Amino acid sequence: MSQPLINLPKTGKSSSQVLEGLKAFKKNDPKWDEGKIFSLVYYLGEEHAKLLSDAYSAYMFENGLNMMAFQSLKKMETEILQMSASLMGGNEKTVGTMTSGGTESILMAVKTYRDRKKARAPEIIAPESIHVAFNKACDYFGVKMRRARLDSDFRVDVDHVRSLINENTIAIVGSAPQYPQGVIDPIEELGKLALEKNVPLHVDACVGGFLLPFLEMNGVKIPLWNFKVPGVTSISADIHKYGFAPKGASIILYKDMSYLKHQFFIYENWSGGVYASATMPGTKSGGSIAGAWAVLNHFGETGYRDLAKRTFAVTQRFIEGINAIPSLKVLGKPNMSVFAYASTDKTVNIFAVGDEMQRRGWYINKQQNPECLHAMITPIHEKSVEPFLKDLRESVEYIRLHPELAMVGQAAMYGMIAKAPIRGMVRTEVQKVMQKLYSLDGSEAAEEQMEHDHTQNASPTFSKKMMFFALNLISKFKRSA
């Protein structure tokens, strides 16, 4: 049965009641402050959290929509962009904007290069490992994504990129590092190719932009990846990742204004006046700008170098510990703090290992092509290394003794999704899941309709597995609601 809509309360609740309600909502969320989640959250402790909260609150009501009115926001944004450009090999001609996150930064880059080139059938060439936000941007802006294969080390094959360039190419893309295995694409080689073919080169450094510079300062050997590489024309980087700013703080930098000007939206005939906007949103939180400015000035170069040193050291402990576990190996040669690990033993299903780890309280991300588990390390994980490795060793042995667990739980779901030969069917089923999750009529009715759809339209075996996938997601959503 569908559920009735929730009405606005007749009378308001006290501040303490509302805050208790918010606290209650969190009870089933991952325990990120305990270092048991390996993505999504960048937390450095209560003192740091208070700084971000105070800075954000100080500009909670200011609106970045009109920085001519709120000149303090424009000053802070300019200083943030100048510091960022300096870190990433830019110069006095480098320009850019702040955005709400890596996805918006990537959306802006794709939109900019589309409008700059004005190709009849615009195409972007990106590695198979590129962040899915590029696919999203291409879908939004009518750009074709051409995917270049990876070498055995998970870096993009530059020769394959070369073979894909044509008159419709609006840009090529590389990552520093890419998300799945944490390796940096050969940006120098891509830069030479970009100059030779006269096409822009965007570097997606959303993960690495505020960690790689400080690792380099600390003496860690990092391949060239930024504006120091001839041919690089833009960089995206998230301050709210390894810059440890509050959520909603990213940047997109361009080599010069000849690129950035294509990002702007201007409409001169609106009855409300001339409208000009540099990024996707209209209203823009002043809090995220203030928080980013505060954290960059709080840590400074010395503070970030210390965070980078701690992050790199704890990452190496994780990598060495995982590689020492029989049947596991870290994939490729990760350049910083992001990596993936897979099973080398057919009797040890890596997704089942992930399920067992989750049962022990760890939030583990699963990946496909190849099947593996994923981690992003921050200083909060310093206290997690030994407990994690102990549980991981025990989980591997438990799955070795219970191979049947590969056929149940999320292991079965992810394994089936990764191997499903008809990818369009996977997309169709996930589309149904999304429709159910975002409907307001209650999930019971959604589940009944989904079961009917499967019974009518899919083969029995595939239907049963896909329905398990869909209902599993919905049940998790119900538990957290």
Protein backbone atom coordinates (compact mmCIF):
# COMPACT_ATOMS: atom_id res chain seq x y z
CA MET A 1 0.00 0.00 0.00
CA SER A 2 1.20 3.49 -0.77
CA GLN A 3 1.88 5.74 2.17
CA PRO A 4 0.21 9.14 2.70
CA LEU A 5 2.30 12.26 2.37
CA ILE A 6 3.76 13.74 5.54
CA ASN A 7 2.15 17.05 6.38
CA LEU A 8 3.92 20.09 7.78
CA PRO A 9 3.52 20.04 11.60
CA LYS A 10 0.59 22.13 12.86
CA THR A 11 2.86 23.66 15.46
CA GLY A 12 6.62 23.98 15.35
CA LYS A 13 9.02 22.02 17.52
CA SER A 14 11.60 23.44 19.87
CA SER A 15 15.22 23.80 18.77
CA SER A 16 16.26 20.94 21.05
CA GLN A 17 13.56 18.64 19.63
CA VAL A 18 14.61 19.41 16.07
CA LEU A 19 18.28 18.78 16.85
CA GLU A 20 17.43 15.51 18.58
CA GLY A 21 15.50 14.52 15.47
CA LEU A 22 18.53 15.21 13.30
CA LYS A 23 20.69 13.15 15.64
CA ALA A 24 18.25 10.26 15.43
CA PHE A 25 18.37 10.29 11.63
CA LYS A 26 22.09 9.48 11.79
CA LYS A 27 21.80 6.25 13.74
CA ASN A 28 22.19 3.96 10.71
CA ASP A 29 24.79 6.06 8.89
CA PRO A 30 28.43 4.91 8.59
CA LYS A 31 30.61 5.80 11.60
CA TRP A 32 32.90 8.11 9.66
CA ASP A 33 34.43 9.70 12.76
CA GLU A 34 35.79 6.27 13.75
CA GLY A 35 37.77 5.89 10.53
CA LYS A 36 35.58 3.03 9.27
CA ILE A 37 34.52 4.61 5.99
CA PHE A 38 36.89 4.96 3.05
CA SER A 39 35.17 7.57 0.90
CA LEU A 40 32.73 10.50 1.00
CA VAL A 41 33.98 12.09 4.24
CA TYR A 42 37.14 14.12 4.97
CA TYR A 43 37.21 14.61 8.74
CA LEU A 44 40.09 15.76 10.91
CA GLY A 45 38.53 15.94 14.37
CA GLU A 46 36.33 18.21 16.45
CA GLU A 47 38.65 21.22 16.50
CA HIS A 48 38.79 21.30 12.72
CA ALA A 49 35.04 20.70 12.50
CA LYS A 50 34.39 23.69 14.76
CA LEU A 51 36.54 25.95 12.58
CA LEU A 52 34.55 24.93 9.50
CA SER A 53 31.25 25.34 11.32
CA ASP A 54 32.12 28.80 12.63
CA ALA A 55 33.46 30.00 9.27
CA TYR A 56 30.46 28.65 7.39
CA SER A 57 28.02 30.17 9.90
CA ALA A 58 29.70 33.58 9.61
CA TYR A 59 28.61 33.70 5.94
CA MET A 60 25.53 31.50 6.08
CA PHE A 61 23.19 34.19 4.74
CA GLU A 62 25.48 35.91 2.21
CA ASN A 63 24.71 35.01 -1.41
CA GLY A 64 27.39 34.46 -4.04
CA LEU A 65 24.82 35.09 -6.79
CA ASN A 66 25.80 38.78 -6.75
CA MET A 67 29.39 39.34 -5.74
CA MET A 68 29.10 43.02 -6.61
CA ALA A 69 26.83 43.24 -3.58
CA PHE A 70 28.86 40.89 -1.38
CA GLN A 71 32.35 42.09 -2.21
CA SER A 72 33.83 40.15 0.70
CA LEU A 73 32.83 36.90 -1.03
CA LYS A 74 34.50 37.98 -4.27
CA LYS A 75 37.67 38.89 -2.38
CA MET A 76 37.74 35.49 -0.68
CA GLU A 77 37.01 33.63 -3.93
CA THR A 78 39.78 35.52 -5.72
CA GLU A 79 42.30 34.71 -2.99
CA ILE A 80 41.24 31.04 -3.00
CA LEU A 81 41.71 30.86 -6.77
CA GLN A 82 45.07 32.65 -6.61
CA MET A 83 46.37 30.27 -3.93
CA SER A 84 45.08 27.30 -5.92
CA ALA A 85 46.61 28.48 -9.17
CA SER A 86 49.95 28.99 -7.43
CA LEU A 87 49.83 25.45 -6.05
CA MET A 88 49.01 23.99 -9.45
CA GLY A 89 51.68 25.63 -11.57
CA GLY A 90 49.62 28.56 -12.81
CA ASN A 91 50.68 32.16 -13.34
CA GLU A 92 49.22 35.66 -13.41
CA LYS A 93 47.13 34.78 -16.49
CA THR A 94 45.46 31.79 -14.82
CA VAL A 95 41.75 32.35 -14.14
CA GLY A 96 38.84 30.34 -12.80
CA THR A 97 35.81 30.10 -10.57
CA MET A 98 34.69 28.27 -7.48
CA THR A 99 31.97 25.66 -7.90
CA SER A 100 29.82 23.48 -5.65
CA GLY A 101 31.89 20.35 -6.22
CA GLY A 102 33.90 18.25 -8.63
CA THR A 103 30.90 17.37 -10.73
CA GLU A 104 30.04 21.02 -11.34
CA SER A 105 33.68 21.80 -12.13
CA ILE A 106 33.66 19.02 -14.72
CA LEU A 107 30.29 20.14 -16.09
CA MET A 108 31.71 23.62 -16.54
CA ALA A 109 34.82 22.34 -18.35
CA VAL A 110 32.77 20.29 -20.83
CA LYS A 111 30.35 23.18 -21.43
CA THR A 112 33.25 25.58 -21.94
CA TYR A 113 35.04 23.42 -24.49
CA ARG A 114 31.80 22.65 -26.31
CA ASP A 115 30.99 26.35 -26.71
CA ARG A 116 34.57 27.27 -27.59
CA LYS A 117 34.86 24.76 -30.43
CA LYS A 118 31.27 24.90 -31.73
CA ALA A 119 31.77 21.57 -33.50
CA ARG A 120 28.73 20.19 -35.29
CA ALA A 121 29.06 16.87 -33.43
CA PRO A 122 31.27 17.67 -30.40
CA GLU A 123 33.33 14.86 -28.84
CA ILE A 124 35.53 14.53 -25.78
CA ILE A 125 38.23 11.86 -25.51
CA ALA A 126 38.78 10.50 -22.01
CA PRO A 127 40.29 7.37 -20.43
CA GLU A 128 38.03 4.43 -19.56
CA SER A 129 38.91 5.25 -15.95
CA ILE A 130 37.70 8.85 -16.12
CA HIS A 131 35.25 9.97 -13.45
CA VAL A 132 31.64 9.32 -14.40
CA ALA A 133 30.90 13.04 -13.99
CA PHE A 134 32.33 13.46 -17.50
CA ASN A 135 29.72 11.04 -18.84
CA LYS A 136 27.11 13.04 -16.95
CA ALA A 137 28.39 16.29 -18.45
CA CYS A 138 28.39 14.84 -21.95
CA ASP A 139 24.84 13.60 -21.43
CA TYR A 140 23.70 17.03 -20.20
CA PHE A 141 25.41 19.06 -22.93
CA GLY A 142 25.00 16.86 -26.00
CA VAL A 143 28.66 15.86 -26.28
CA LYS A 144 29.82 12.41 -27.36
CA MET A 145 32.19 10.61 -25.00
CA ARG A 146 34.93 8.64 -26.72
CA ARG A 147 36.70 6.34 -24.27
CA ALA A 148 40.39 5.52 -24.63
CA ARG A 149 41.62 2.18 -23.35
CA LEU A 150 44.04 1.76 -20.45
CA ASP A 151 47.49 0.18 -20.40
CA SER A 152 48.30 -2.68 -18.06
CA ASP A 153 49.23 -0.14 -15.38
CA PHE A 154 45.71 1.41 -15.57
CA ARG A 155 47.00 4.63 -17.19
CA VAL A 156 45.46 5.83 -20.43
CA ASP A 157 46.97 4.56 -23.68
CA VAL A 158 48.15 7.77 -25.38
CA ASP A 159 48.41 6.11 -28.79
CA HIS A 160 44.75 5.14 -28.54
CA VAL A 161 43.88 8.73 -27.58
CA ARG A 162 45.76 9.89 -30.70
CA SER A 163 43.76 7.53 -32.92
CA LEU A 164 40.45 8.92 -31.60
CA ILE A 165 41.17 12.61 -32.29
CA ASN A 166 39.23 14.09 -35.21
CA GLU A 167 37.70 17.38 -36.39
CA ASN A 168 34.93 17.10 -33.78
CA THR A 169 37.26 16.71 -30.78
CA ILE A 170 36.65 19.61 -28.38
CA ALA A 171 39.10 18.42 -25.69
CA ILE A 172 41.05 15.48 -24.33
CA VAL A 173 41.12 14.57 -20.64
CA GLY A 174 43.48 12.93 -18.16
CA SER A 175 43.29 12.33 -14.40
CA ALA A 176 45.61 13.18 -11.51
CA PRO A 177 44.92 10.68 -10.15
CA GLN A 178 42.05 8.67 -11.57
CA TYR A 179 39.58 7.41 -8.96
CA PRO A 180 39.41 3.62 -9.53
CA GLN A 181 43.08 2.67 -8.97
CA GLY A 182 44.59 6.00 -7.86
CA VAL A 183 47.18 6.31 -10.64
CA ILE A 184 48.08 9.48 -12.55
CA ASP A 185 47.60 9.40 -16.31
CA PRO A 186 50.65 10.30 -18.49
CA ILE A 187 49.82 14.01 -18.53
CA GLU A 188 53.15 15.03 -20.12
CA GLU A 189 52.53 12.76 -23.10
CA LEU A 190 48.93 13.95 -23.35
CA GLY A 191 50.19 17.54 -23.26
CA LYS A 192 52.52 16.93 -26.19
CA LEU A 193 49.67 15.33 -28.11
CA ALA A 194 47.34 18.23 -27.25
CA LEU A 195 49.85 20.76 -28.60
CA GLU A 196 50.53 18.71 -31.71
CA LYS A 197 46.82 18.39 -32.52
CA ASN A 198 45.87 21.86 -31.25
CA VAL A 199 43.21 20.58 -28.86
CA PRO A 200 42.69 21.59 -25.20
CA LEU A 201 43.75 19.25 -22.38
CA HIS A 202 41.77 19.14 -19.15
CA VAL A 203 43.28 17.52 -16.05
CA ASP A 204 40.77 16.15 -13.58
CA ALA A 205 42.53 16.63 -10.23
CA CYS A 206 39.35 16.70 -8.16
CA VAL A 207 40.86 14.07 -5.85
CA GLY A 208 44.52 15.01 -6.04
CA GLY A 209 44.61 18.77 -6.52
CA PHE A 210 45.05 19.61 -2.85
CA LEU A 211 47.29 16.68 -1.92
CA LEU A 212 49.72 16.14 -4.81
CA PRO A 213 51.41 19.58 -4.48
CA PHE A 214 52.24 18.94 -0.84
CA LEU A 215 53.46 15.40 -1.48
CA GLU A 216 55.82 16.90 -4.06
CA MET A 217 57.03 19.46 -1.50
CA ASN A 218 57.68 16.56 0.87
CA GLY A 219 59.91 14.85 -1.67
CA VAL A 220 57.48 12.20 -2.96
CA LYS A 221 58.15 11.56 -6.65
CA ILE A 222 55.00 12.56 -8.53
CA PRO A 223 54.67 12.59 -12.35
CA LEU A 224 54.11 16.07 -13.80
CA TRP A 225 50.39 16.73 -13.93
CA ASN A 226 49.51 20.45 -13.70
CA PHE A 227 49.93 23.75 -15.59
CA LYS A 228 53.69 23.16 -15.61
CA VAL A 229 52.95 20.70 -18.42
CA PRO A 230 52.77 22.50 -21.79
CA GLY A 231 49.39 21.77 -23.33
CA VAL A 232 47.35 21.67 -20.11
CA THR A 233 44.55 24.23 -20.48
CA SER A 234 42.35 23.56 -17.43
CA ILE A 235 42.30 21.77 -14.06
CA SER A 236 39.43 20.80 -11.77
CA ALA A 237 40.18 20.28 -8.06
CA ASP A 238 38.06 19.86 -4.93
CA ILE A 239 38.96 21.87 -1.84
CA HIS A 240 36.43 19.85 0.13
CA LYS A 241 38.44 16.67 -0.40
CA TYR A 242 42.10 16.87 0.62
CA GLY A 243 41.82 20.61 1.21
CA PHE A 244 39.48 19.61 4.07
CA ALA A 245 37.03 22.46 3.41
CA PRO A 246 33.29 22.08 4.08
CA LYS A 247 31.25 20.36 1.37
CA GLY A 248 30.42 22.59 -1.57
CA ALA A 249 33.91 23.92 -2.37
CA SER A 250 35.65 23.06 -5.64
CA ILE A 251 37.47 25.04 -8.32
CA ILE A 252 37.85 25.04 -12.08
CA LEU A 253 41.00 26.79 -13.34
CA TYR A 254 41.84 27.74 -16.93
CA LYS A 255 45.15 28.68 -18.53
CA ASP A 256 43.76 32.13 -19.42
CA MET A 257 40.57 34.10 -20.06
CA SER A 258 40.30 32.92 -23.67
CA TYR A 259 38.92 29.67 -22.21
CA LEU A 260 37.01 30.87 -19.13
CA LYS A 261 34.93 33.39 -21.11
CA HIS A 262 33.08 30.47 -22.73
CA GLN A 263 31.93 29.28 -19.30
CA PHE A 264 29.89 32.43 -18.59
CA PHE A 265 26.13 32.68 -19.13
CA ILE A 266 24.88 36.17 -20.02
CA TYR A 267 21.34 37.24 -20.92
CA GLU A 268 20.73 40.90 -21.61
CA ASN A 269 16.97 40.95 -22.35
CA TRP A 270 15.44 39.65 -19.11
CA SER A 271 12.80 41.99 -17.67
CA GLY A 272 14.55 41.69 -14.32
CA GLY A 273 17.66 43.26 -15.77
CA VAL A 274 20.88 42.04 -17.35
CA TYR A 275 21.75 38.60 -15.93
CA ALA A 276 25.29 37.24 -15.84
CA SER A 277 26.45 34.06 -14.12
CA ALA A 278 29.85 32.39 -14.03
CA THR A 279 28.75 28.89 -12.93
CA MET A 280 25.71 26.58 -12.84
CA PRO A 281 23.80 27.78 -9.77
CA GLY A 282 22.03 31.06 -9.29
CA THR A 283 22.04 31.39 -5.52
CA LYS A 284 25.44 30.31 -4.20
CA SER A 285 26.31 29.67 -0.57
CA GLY A 286 28.63 32.21 0.98
CA GLY A 287 29.34 29.66 3.71
CA SER A 288 31.25 27.26 1.47
CA ILE A 289 33.42 30.10 0.14
CA ALA A 290 34.16 31.37 3.66
CA GLY A 291 34.87 27.84 4.87
CA ALA A 292 37.31 27.19 2.03
CA TRP A 293 39.10 30.50 2.61
CA ALA A 294 39.29 29.79 6.34
CA VAL A 295 40.74 26.30 6.01
CA LEU A 296 43.37 27.28 3.41
CA ASN A 297 44.58 30.10 5.63
CA HIS A 298 44.36 27.98 8.78
CA PHE A 299 46.60 25.17 7.56
CA GLY A 300 48.87 27.07 5.20
CA GLU A 301 51.73 25.29 3.45
CA THR A 302 53.22 23.87 6.65
CA GLY A 303 49.93 22.46 7.87
CA TYR A 304 49.07 20.86 4.54
CA ARG A 305 52.54 19.37 4.21
CA ASP A 306 52.07 17.73 7.60
CA LEU A 307 48.64 16.37 6.60
CA ALA A 308 50.13 15.09 3.34
CA LYS A 309 52.98 13.38 5.20
CA ARG A 310 50.57 11.67 7.59
CA THR A 311 48.21 10.67 4.78
CA PHE A 312 50.96 9.19 2.63
CA ALA A 313 52.51 7.30 5.54
CA VAL A 314 49.24 5.70 6.61
CA THR A 315 48.41 4.85 2.99
CA GLN A 316 51.68 2.95 2.64
CA ARG A 317 50.87 1.00 5.80
CA PHE A 318 47.51 -0.02 4.32
CA ILE A 319 49.02 -0.97 0.95
CA GLU A 320 51.87 -3.00 2.47
CA GLY A 321 49.48 -4.72 4.86
CA ILE A 322 47.01 -5.66 2.12
CA ASN A 323 49.75 -6.94 -0.19
CA ALA A 324 51.00 -9.13 2.67
CA ILE A 325 47.66 -10.94 2.93
CA PRO A 326 47.62 -14.14 0.85
CA SER A 327 45.11 -13.94 -2.03
CA LEU A 328 45.02 -10.12 -2.12
CA LYS A 329 46.93 -7.52 -4.11
CA VAL A 330 46.78 -3.78 -4.61
CA LEU A 331 46.18 -2.93 -8.28
CA GLY A 332 48.74 -0.89 -10.20
CA LYS A 333 51.07 1.60 -8.54
CA PRO A 334 48.95 4.21 -6.77
CA ASN A 335 50.52 7.67 -6.67
CA MET A 336 48.95 9.05 -3.49
CA SER A 337 46.21 7.94 -1.09
CA VAL A 338 43.63 6.26 -3.34
CA PHE A 339 43.89 2.61 -4.29
CA ALA A 340 42.02 -0.60 -5.11
CA TYR A 341 42.70 -4.18 -4.11
CA ALA A 342 41.57 -7.42 -5.70
CA SER A 343 41.64 -11.17 -5.10
CA THR A 344 44.30 -13.31 -6.75
CA ASP A 345 42.53 -16.54 -5.72
CA LYS A 346 39.43 -17.82 -7.52
CA THR A 347 38.19 -19.34 -4.27
CA VAL A 348 38.14 -15.93 -2.58
CA ASN A 349 35.43 -13.70 -3.99
CA ILE A 350 36.47 -10.10 -3.36
CA PHE A 351 32.89 -8.86 -3.15
CA ALA A 352 32.12 -11.48 -0.50
CA VAL A 353 35.18 -10.24 1.40
CA GLY A 354 33.69 -6.76 1.19
CA ASP A 355 30.39 -8.05 2.57
CA GLU A 356 32.17 -9.72 5.47
CA MET A 357 34.09 -6.54 6.22
CA GLN A 358 30.87 -4.57 6.17
CA ARG A 359 29.37 -7.05 8.62
CA ARG A 360 32.29 -6.21 10.88
CA GLY A 361 31.48 -2.51 10.71
CA TRP A 362 33.63 -1.27 7.81
CA TYR A 363 32.07 0.67 4.93
CA ILE A 364 33.78 -0.71 1.82
CA ASN A 365 33.24 0.46 -1.77
CA LYS A 366 33.00 -2.17 -4.51
CA GLN A 367 34.19 -1.66 -8.10
CA GLN A 368 33.95 -3.49 -11.40
CA ASN A 369 36.23 -3.91 -14.45
CA PRO A 370 38.19 -5.37 -12.71
CA GLU A 371 36.29 -6.58 -9.64
CA CYS A 372 37.92 -5.06 -6.58
CA LEU A 373 37.45 -3.07 -3.38
CA HIS A 374 38.39 0.59 -3.06
CA ALA A 375 39.80 2.96 -0.44
CA MET A 376 40.57 6.64 -0.02
CA ILE A 377 42.81 7.30 2.98
CA THR A 378 42.93 10.39 5.20
CA PRO A 379 44.70 11.08 8.52
CA ILE A 380 41.62 9.86 10.43
CA HIS A 381 42.57 6.34 9.29
CA GLU A 382 45.79 6.35 11.33
CA LYS A 383 43.88 4.64 14.14
CA SER A 384 42.26 2.16 11.77
CA VAL A 385 45.21 0.41 10.12
CA GLU A 386 45.76 -2.54 12.44
CA PRO A 387 42.06 -3.22 13.24
CA PHE A 388 41.26 -3.04 9.52
CA LEU A 389 44.07 -5.37 8.46
CA LYS A 390 43.17 -7.86 11.21
CA ASP A 391 39.54 -7.95 10.09
CA LEU A 392 40.57 -8.13 6.44
CA ARG A 393 42.85 -11.13 7.04
CA GLU A 394 40.10 -12.89 8.96
CA SER A 395 37.50 -12.02 6.33
CA VAL A 396 39.62 -13.47 3.53
CA GLU A 397 40.06 -16.73 5.42
CA TYR A 398 36.37 -16.87 6.31
CA ILE A 399 35.36 -16.45 2.67
CA ARG A 400 37.92 -19.06 1.63
CA LEU A 401 36.16 -21.51 3.94
CA HIS A 402 32.69 -20.35 2.84
CA PRO A 403 32.81 -19.81 -0.95
CA GLU A 404 29.03 -20.07 -1.08
CA LEU A 405 28.86 -16.52 0.32
CA ALA A 406 29.78 -15.27 -3.15
CA MET A 407 26.20 -16.14 -4.13
CA VAL A 408 24.40 -14.12 -1.46
CA GLY A 409 24.21 -10.55 -0.22
CA GLN A 410 25.85 -7.66 -2.01
CA ALA A 411 28.54 -10.01 -3.36
CA ALA A 412 25.93 -11.70 -5.55
CA MET A 413 24.42 -8.38 -6.55
CA TYR A 414 27.69 -6.72 -7.54
CA GLY A 415 29.03 -9.86 -9.17
CA MET A 416 25.91 -10.20 -11.25
CA ILE A 417 25.89 -6.54 -12.22
CA ALA A 418 29.57 -6.62 -13.21
CA LYS A 419 29.10 -9.71 -15.39
CA ALA A 420 25.68 -8.97 -16.89
CA PRO A 421 26.17 -9.29 -20.67
CA ILE A 422 23.30 -6.98 -21.63
CA ARG A 423 24.31 -3.64 -20.13
CA GLY A 424 21.12 -1.97 -21.30
CA MET A 425 19.12 -4.26 -19.01
CA VAL A 426 21.24 -3.16 -16.05
CA ARG A 427 20.56 0.46 -16.94
CA THR A 428 16.83 -0.24 -17.26
CA GLU A 429 16.65 -1.91 -13.87
CA VAL A 430 18.65 0.83 -12.15
CA GLN A 431 16.34 3.38 -13.78
CA LYS A 432 13.41 1.60 -12.12
CA VAL A 433 15.19 1.66 -8.78
CA MET A 434 15.78 5.39 -9.09
CA GLN A 435 12.15 5.99 -9.99
CA LYS A 436 11.01 4.08 -6.92
CA LEU A 437 13.48 5.78 -4.60
CA TYR A 438 12.39 9.23 -5.71
CA SER A 439 8.67 8.60 -5.78
CA LEU A 440 6.60 9.95 -2.88
CA ASP A 441 3.93 7.26 -2.81
CA GLY A 442 5.69 4.78 -0.52
CA SER A 443 8.09 1.97 -1.35
CA GLU A 444 5.72 -0.99 -0.75
CA ALA A 445 3.72 -0.12 -3.84
CA ALA A 446 6.96 0.42 -5.72
CA GLU A 447 8.18 -3.04 -4.79
CA GLU A 448 4.90 -4.65 -5.89
CA GLN A 449 5.07 -2.91 -9.26
CA MET A 450 8.70 -3.85 -9.69
CA GLU A 451 7.93 -7.51 -9.03
CA HIS A 452 5.16 -7.37 -11.65
CA ASP A 453 7.48 -5.76 -14.19
CA HIS A 454 10.09 -8.48 -13.70
CA THR A 455 7.56 -11.28 -13.93
CA GLN A 456 6.22 -9.95 -17.22
CA ASN A 457 9.34 -8.81 -19.01
CA ALA A 458 12.52 -10.63 -18.01
CA SER A 459 13.99 -14.09 -18.08
CA PRO A 460 13.40 -15.90 -14.74
CA THR A 461 17.03 -16.16 -13.65
CA PHE A 462 18.06 -12.67 -14.65
CA SER A 463 14.81 -11.25 -13.29
CA LYS A 464 15.31 -12.82 -9.89
CA LYS A 465 18.84 -11.47 -9.59
CA MET A 466 17.95 -8.01 -10.82
CA MET A 467 14.95 -7.86 -8.52
CA PHE A 468 17.20 -8.78 -5.62
CA PHE A 469 19.48 -5.92 -6.63
CA ALA A 470 16.62 -3.45 -6.82
CA LEU A 471 14.87 -4.56 -3.64
CA ASN A 472 18.15 -4.61 -1.75
CA LEU A 473 18.73 -0.95 -2.59
CA ILE A 474 15.18 -0.05 -1.66
CA SER A 475 15.39 -1.92 1.64
CA LYS A 476 18.57 -0.01 2.52
CA PHE A 477 16.81 3.23 1.66
CA LYS A 478 13.84 2.25 3.87
CA ARG A 479 16.11 1.45 6.80
CA SER A 480 17.75 4.85 6.61
CA ALA A 481 14.50 6.77 6.16
